Structure formats: C-alpha cells, structure tokens
C-alpha atoms as a PDB file:
ATOM      1  CA  MET A   1     113.347 146.720 173.908  1.00  0.00           C
ATOM      2  CA  THR A   2     116.791 147.878 175.005  1.00  0.00           C
ATOM      3  CA  GLY A   3     116.985 150.761 172.541  1.00  0.00           C
ATOM      4  CA  SER A   4     119.934 149.243 170.685  1.00  0.00           C
ATOM      5  CA  TRP A   5     119.307 146.850 167.820  1.00  0.00           C
ATOM      6  CA  GLU A   6     122.589 145.013 168.536  1.00  0.00           C
ATOM      7  CA  TRP A   7     121.501 144.177 172.092  1.00  0.00           C
ATOM      8  CA  ASP A   8     118.003 143.277 170.906  1.00  0.00           C
ATOM      9  CA  LEU A   9     119.506 140.903 168.334  1.00  0.00           C
ATOM     10  CA  LEU A  10     121.852 139.372 170.901  1.00  0.00           C
ATOM     11  CA  LEU A  11     119.020 138.876 173.396  1.00  0.00           C
ATOM     12  CA  GLY A  12     116.812 137.376 170.695  1.00  0.00           C
ATOM     13  CA  VAL A  13     119.496 134.907 169.586  1.00  0.00           C
ATOM     14  CA  ALA A  14     120.231 133.949 173.214  1.00  0.00           C
ATOM     15  CA  ALA A  15     116.521 133.395 173.909  1.00  0.00           C
ATOM     16  CA  ALA A  16     116.141 131.289 170.747  1.00  0.00           C
ATOM     17  CA  LEU A  17     119.146 129.147 171.675  1.00  0.00           C
ATOM     18  CA  ALA A  18     117.844 128.642 175.218  1.00  0.00           C
ATOM     19  CA  LEU A  19     114.395 127.676 173.938  1.00  0.00           C
ATOM     20  CA  THR A  20     115.923 125.252 171.424  1.00  0.00           C
ATOM     21  CA  TRP A  21     118.031 123.656 174.164  1.00  0.00           C
ATOM     22  CA  VAL A  22     114.976 123.216 176.408  1.00  0.00           C
ATOM     23  CA  ALA A  23     113.078 121.617 173.504  1.00  0.00           C
ATOM     24  CA  LEU A  24     115.939 119.201 172.790  1.00  0.00           C
ATOM     25  CA  VAL A  25     116.181 118.192 176.449  1.00  0.00           C
ATOM     26  CA  ALA A  26     112.411 117.594 176.467  1.00  0.00           C
ATOM     27  CA  VAL A  27     112.807 115.335 173.410  1.00  0.00           C
ATOM     28  CA  LEU A  28     115.632 113.439 175.144  1.00  0.00           C
ATOM     29  CA  ILE A  29     113.459 112.884 178.199  1.00  0.00           C
ATOM     30  CA  THR A  30     110.603 111.685 175.995  1.00  0.00           C
ATOM     31  CA  VAL A  31     112.595 109.183 173.896  1.00  0.00           C
ATOM     32  CA  ARG A  32     114.877 107.860 176.641  1.00  0.00           C
ATOM     33  CA  PRO A  33     114.783 104.126 177.285  1.00  0.00           C
ATOM     34  CA  ARG A  34     112.703 103.225 180.322  1.00  0.00           C
ATOM     35  CA  GLY A  35     113.758 101.247 183.373  1.00  0.00           C
ATOM     36  CA  ASP A  36     116.840  99.077 183.133  1.00  0.00           C
ATOM     37  CA  LEU A  37     117.153  99.645 179.388  1.00  0.00           C
ATOM     38  CA  LEU A  38     119.027 102.909 179.928  1.00  0.00           C
ATOM     39  CA  ARG A  39     121.655 101.133 182.035  1.00  0.00           C
ATOM     40  CA  GLU A  40     121.900  98.376 179.429  1.00  0.00           C
ATOM     41  CA  ALA A  41     122.231 100.982 176.664  1.00  0.00           C
ATOM     42  CA  LEU A  42     125.167 102.550 178.486  1.00  0.00           C
ATOM     43  CA  ARG A  43     126.789  99.125 178.883  1.00  0.00           C
ATOM     44  CA  LEU A  44     126.388  98.408 175.159  1.00  0.00           C
ATOM     45  CA  LEU A  45     127.774 101.755 174.032  1.00  0.00           C
ATOM     46  CA  PRO A  46     131.217 100.448 172.858  1.00  0.00           C
ATOM     47  CA  ASP A  47     129.609  97.750 170.675  1.00  0.00           C
ATOM     48  CA  VAL A  48     127.019 100.215 169.432  1.00  0.00           C
ATOM     49  CA  LEU A  49     129.724 102.698 168.409  1.00  0.00           C
ATOM     50  CA  ARG A  50     131.465 100.002 166.346  1.00  0.00           C
ATOM     51  CA  LEU A  51     128.077  99.080 164.869  1.00  0.00           C
ATOM     52  CA  VAL A  52     127.315 102.689 163.914  1.00  0.00           C
ATOM     53  CA  ARG A  53     130.713 103.079 162.246  1.00  0.00           C
ATOM     54  CA  ARG A  54     130.226  99.841 160.268  1.00  0.00           C
ATOM     55  CA  LEU A  55     126.681 100.768 159.227  1.00  0.00           C
ATOM     56  CA  ALA A  56     127.747 104.268 158.134  1.00  0.00           C
ATOM     57  CA  ALA A  57     130.373 102.706 155.862  1.00  0.00           C
ATOM     58  CA  ASP A  58     127.964 100.168 154.283  1.00  0.00           C
ATOM     59  CA  PRO A  59     127.236 101.306 150.698  1.00  0.00           C
ATOM     60  CA  GLU A  60     124.226  98.966 150.490  1.00  0.00           C
ATOM     61  CA  LEU A  61     122.260 101.054 152.994  1.00  0.00           C
ATOM     62  CA  PRO A  62     120.141 103.982 151.804  1.00  0.00           C
ATOM     63  CA  ARG A  63     121.955 107.313 151.661  1.00  0.00           C
ATOM     64  CA  GLY A  64     119.625 108.905 154.233  1.00  0.00           C
ATOM     65  CA  VAL A  65     120.480 106.202 156.755  1.00  0.00           C
ATOM     66  CA  ARG A  66     124.220 106.637 156.208  1.00  0.00           C
ATOM     67  CA  ILE A  67     123.901 110.419 156.547  1.00  0.00           C
ATOM     68  CA  ARG A  68     121.967 109.976 159.795  1.00  0.00           C
ATOM     69  CA  LEU A  69     124.695 107.690 161.119  1.00  0.00           C
ATOM     70  CA  ALA A  70     127.470 110.073 160.055  1.00  0.00           C
ATOM     71  CA  LEU A  71     125.692 112.912 161.877  1.00  0.00           C
ATOM     72  CA  LEU A  72     125.409 110.684 164.940  1.00  0.00           C
ATOM     73  CA  LEU A  73     129.155 109.974 164.861  1.00  0.00           C
ATOM     74  CA  ALA A  74     129.852 113.708 164.526  1.00  0.00           C
ATOM     75  CA  TYR A  75     127.590 114.417 167.522  1.00  0.00           C
ATOM     76  CA  LEU A  76     129.363 111.781 169.598  1.00  0.00           C
ATOM     77  CA  ALA A  77     132.787 113.161 168.633  1.00  0.00           C
ATOM     78  CA  PHE A  78     131.805 116.731 169.554  1.00  0.00           C
ATOM     79  CA  PRO A  79     133.329 117.537 172.964  1.00  0.00           C
ATOM     80  CA  LEU A  80     130.317 119.456 174.313  1.00  0.00           C
ATOM     81  CA  ASP A  81     127.269 117.494 175.417  1.00  0.00           C
ATOM     82  CA  LEU A  82     123.693 118.532 174.811  1.00  0.00           C
ATOM     83  CA  VAL A  83     123.055 117.998 178.510  1.00  0.00           C
ATOM     84  CA  PRO A  84     125.970 118.862 180.862  1.00  0.00           C
ATOM     85  CA  ASP A  85     127.282 115.952 182.909  1.00  0.00           C
ATOM     86  CA  PHE A  86     126.435 117.598 186.244  1.00  0.00           C
ATOM     87  CA  ILE A  87     122.694 117.136 185.583  1.00  0.00           C
ATOM     88  CA  PRO A  88     121.633 113.911 187.341  1.00  0.00           C
ATOM     89  CA  VAL A  89     120.796 110.877 185.180  1.00  0.00           C
ATOM     90  CA  LEU A  90     120.433 112.698 181.853  1.00  0.00           C
ATOM     91  CA  GLY A  91     123.894 114.269 182.103  1.00  0.00           C
ATOM     92  CA  TYR A  92     125.690 111.007 181.499  1.00  0.00           C
ATOM     93  CA  ALA A  93     122.942 109.322 179.539  1.00  0.00           C
ATOM     94  CA  ASP A  94     122.373 111.871 176.766  1.00  0.00           C
ATOM     95  CA  ASP A  95     124.756 110.104 174.372  1.00  0.00           C
ATOM     96  CA  ALA A  96     123.040 106.759 174.957  1.00  0.00           C
ATOM     97  CA  ILE A  97     119.625 108.345 174.429  1.00  0.00           C
ATOM     98  CA  VAL A  98     120.665 110.032 171.176  1.00  0.00           C
ATOM     99  CA  VAL A  99     122.242 106.786 169.930  1.00  0.00           C
ATOM    100  CA  THR A 100     119.119 104.800 170.852  1.00  0.00           C
ATOM    101  CA  ALA A 101     116.771 107.228 169.105  1.00  0.00           C
ATOM    102  CA  THR A 102     118.947 107.242 165.986  1.00  0.00           C
ATOM    103  CA  LEU A 103     119.224 103.454 165.924  1.00  0.00           C
ATOM    104  CA  ARG A 104     115.449 103.132 166.209  1.00  0.00           C
ATOM    105  CA  SER A 105     115.157 105.276 163.119  1.00  0.00           C
ATOM    106  CA  VAL A 106     117.892 103.362 161.273  1.00  0.00           C
ATOM    107  CA  VAL A 107     116.430  99.964 162.115  1.00  0.00           C
ATOM    108  CA  ARG A 108     112.984 101.018 160.949  1.00  0.00           C
ATOM    109  CA  ARG A 109     114.412 102.314 157.655  1.00  0.00           C
ATOM    110  CA  ALA A 110     117.176  99.792 156.876  1.00  0.00           C
ATOM    111  CA  GLY A 111     115.805  96.735 158.668  1.00  0.00           C
ATOM    112  CA  LEU A 112     117.155  94.792 161.583  1.00  0.00           C
ATOM    113  CA  SER A 113     118.883  92.322 159.248  1.00  0.00           C
ATOM    114  CA  ALA A 114     121.360  95.039 158.194  1.00  0.00           C
ATOM    115  CA  VAL A 115     122.102  95.725 161.842  1.00  0.00           C
ATOM    116  CA  ARG A 116     122.479  91.990 162.504  1.00  0.00           C
ATOM    117  CA  ARG A 117     125.119  91.704 159.733  1.00  0.00           C
ATOM    118  CA  HIS A 118     127.269  94.419 161.304  1.00  0.00           C
ATOM    119  CA  TRP A 119     126.702  93.698 165.020  1.00  0.00           C
ATOM    120  CA  PRO A 120     130.135  93.220 166.717  1.00  0.00           C
ATOM    121  CA  GLY A 121     128.883  92.073 170.121  1.00  0.00           C
ATOM    122  CA  THR A 122     127.288  89.040 171.695  1.00  0.00           C
ATOM    123  CA  GLU A 123     123.838  87.564 171.046  1.00  0.00           C
ATOM    124  CA  ASP A 124     122.676  88.844 174.438  1.00  0.00           C
ATOM    125  CA  GLY A 125     123.836  92.313 173.466  1.00  0.00           C
ATOM    126  CA  PHE A 126     121.942  92.075 170.197  1.00  0.00           C
ATOM    127  CA  ALA A 127     118.802  91.067 172.091  1.00  0.00           C
ATOM    128  CA  VAL A 128     119.169  94.189 174.248  1.00  0.00           C
ATOM    129  CA  LEU A 129     119.664  96.260 171.106  1.00  0.00           C
ATOM    130  CA  CYS A 130     116.419  94.825 169.729  1.00  0.00           C
ATOM    131  CA  ARG A 131     114.570  95.856 172.887  1.00  0.00           C
ATOM    132  CA  LEU A 132     116.139  99.337 172.765  1.00  0.00           C
ATOM    133  CA  THR A 133     115.040  99.895 169.184  1.00  0.00           C
ATOM    134  CA  GLY A 134     111.533  98.665 169.926  1.00  0.00           C
ATOM    135  CA  LEU A 135     111.706  95.685 167.599  1.00  0.00           C
ATOM    136  CA  THR A 136     111.710  92.038 168.573  1.00  0.00           C
ATOM    137  CA  GLU A 137     113.395  89.128 166.951  1.00  0.00           C
ATOM    138  CA  GLY A 138     111.285  86.212 165.925  1.00  0.00           C
ATOM    139  CA  PRO A 139     112.440  82.749 164.893  1.00  0.00           C
ATOM    140  CA  GLY A 140     114.401  83.494 161.725  1.00  0.00           C
ATOM    141  CA  ARG A 141     112.565  86.740 161.116  1.00  0.00           C
ATOM    142  CA  VAL A 142     112.384  90.161 162.732  1.00  0.00           C
ATOM    143  CA  HIS A 143     109.229  92.162 163.414  1.00  0.00           C
ATOM    144  CA  GLY A 144     109.387  95.056 160.981  1.00  0.00           C
ATOM    145  CA  ASP A 145     111.251  92.971 158.398  1.00  0.00           C
ATOM    146  CA  ALA A 146     108.398  90.488 157.988  1.00  0.00           C
ATOM    147  CA  ALA A 147     106.304  92.650 155.663  1.00  0.00           C
ATOM    148  CA  ARG A 148     109.370  93.499 153.546  1.00  0.00           C
ATOM    149  CA  HIS A 149     110.334  89.805 153.407  1.00  0.00           C
ATOM    150  CA  ASP A 150     106.802  88.762 152.414  1.00  0.00           C
ATOM    151  CA  SER A 151     106.613  91.383 149.666  1.00  0.00           C
ATOM    152  CA  GLU A 152     109.979  90.240 148.227  1.00  0.00           C
ATOM    153  CA  THR A 153     108.892  86.582 147.910  1.00  0.00           C
END
C-alpha cells in the first residue's frame, strides 16, 4: 500500500485496534441497562465494587468466576476508560455497563445465593442488583437457582 512494510504494518495494527474499539463500544451499547437501571447501577457502584472484591476472594466459587471477577477489578483499576468521558452518556457509564454485564455472567454461573452472601448494601440495593442482572428474587428462592436447588434435593 504505502511501499514500506513498516508503515503497512503500523496502519494495519491501527486499523485493527480502531475496529476492535468500535466493536467493544457496540457491545457496551447493546448490553447497557435500559431506562432508570443505568442510573441505579451508577448509584450502586460502591457496594458493587465491595461485592466484586468479596466474590473474587471466595474460594468456594468456581475458578472461572473468580478469574472473571479479577479481570473486572483490573479493568476498573486501569486509568484509561474504554469509552472516553467526553462522550455523552456512555463516557461515564462504561464502568457500570461492564460491571453489570460481568455480574450477569457471574450470577448465572455461581447463582444469586453466592451474591446474596457477600452483598454489603441494603435490601433495596440488592433488589436493584437482581433487576440489573436479569434475575428476580422469589420468596425464599431465586429464579435461576430454582433448578439447581431442585436437582440437589
């Protein structure tokens, strides 16, 4: 293209990184909480961070779940955001979206009861967390945990 393989390589790497970034932003837009849930997710972020740290340290959880949570903590500690803060709405919400998507995955794999054991916040906050992860609490039992509970008895 440019006649120099170094420039061609540099342009190729830059194009691949740009395409990857666009794909990740598209995923964030797709999995973001709808309506007021995004605002509630941002409000719950301090409790959720304590929850993630506690879950990542729980040796009873499957290794894949703990690795996922450790990667989430590393992402949150990294000073550069996936979406710069000057982009409206998504700029400040990208951390909440990534946390929500990861927690959905963790809850589906480890069960909401594990999250309940480590939840540091209020009952109202836990109810919001249930809505964010797409699972609902029932009386004494959680949707998603019911089949596991029935198969254990």
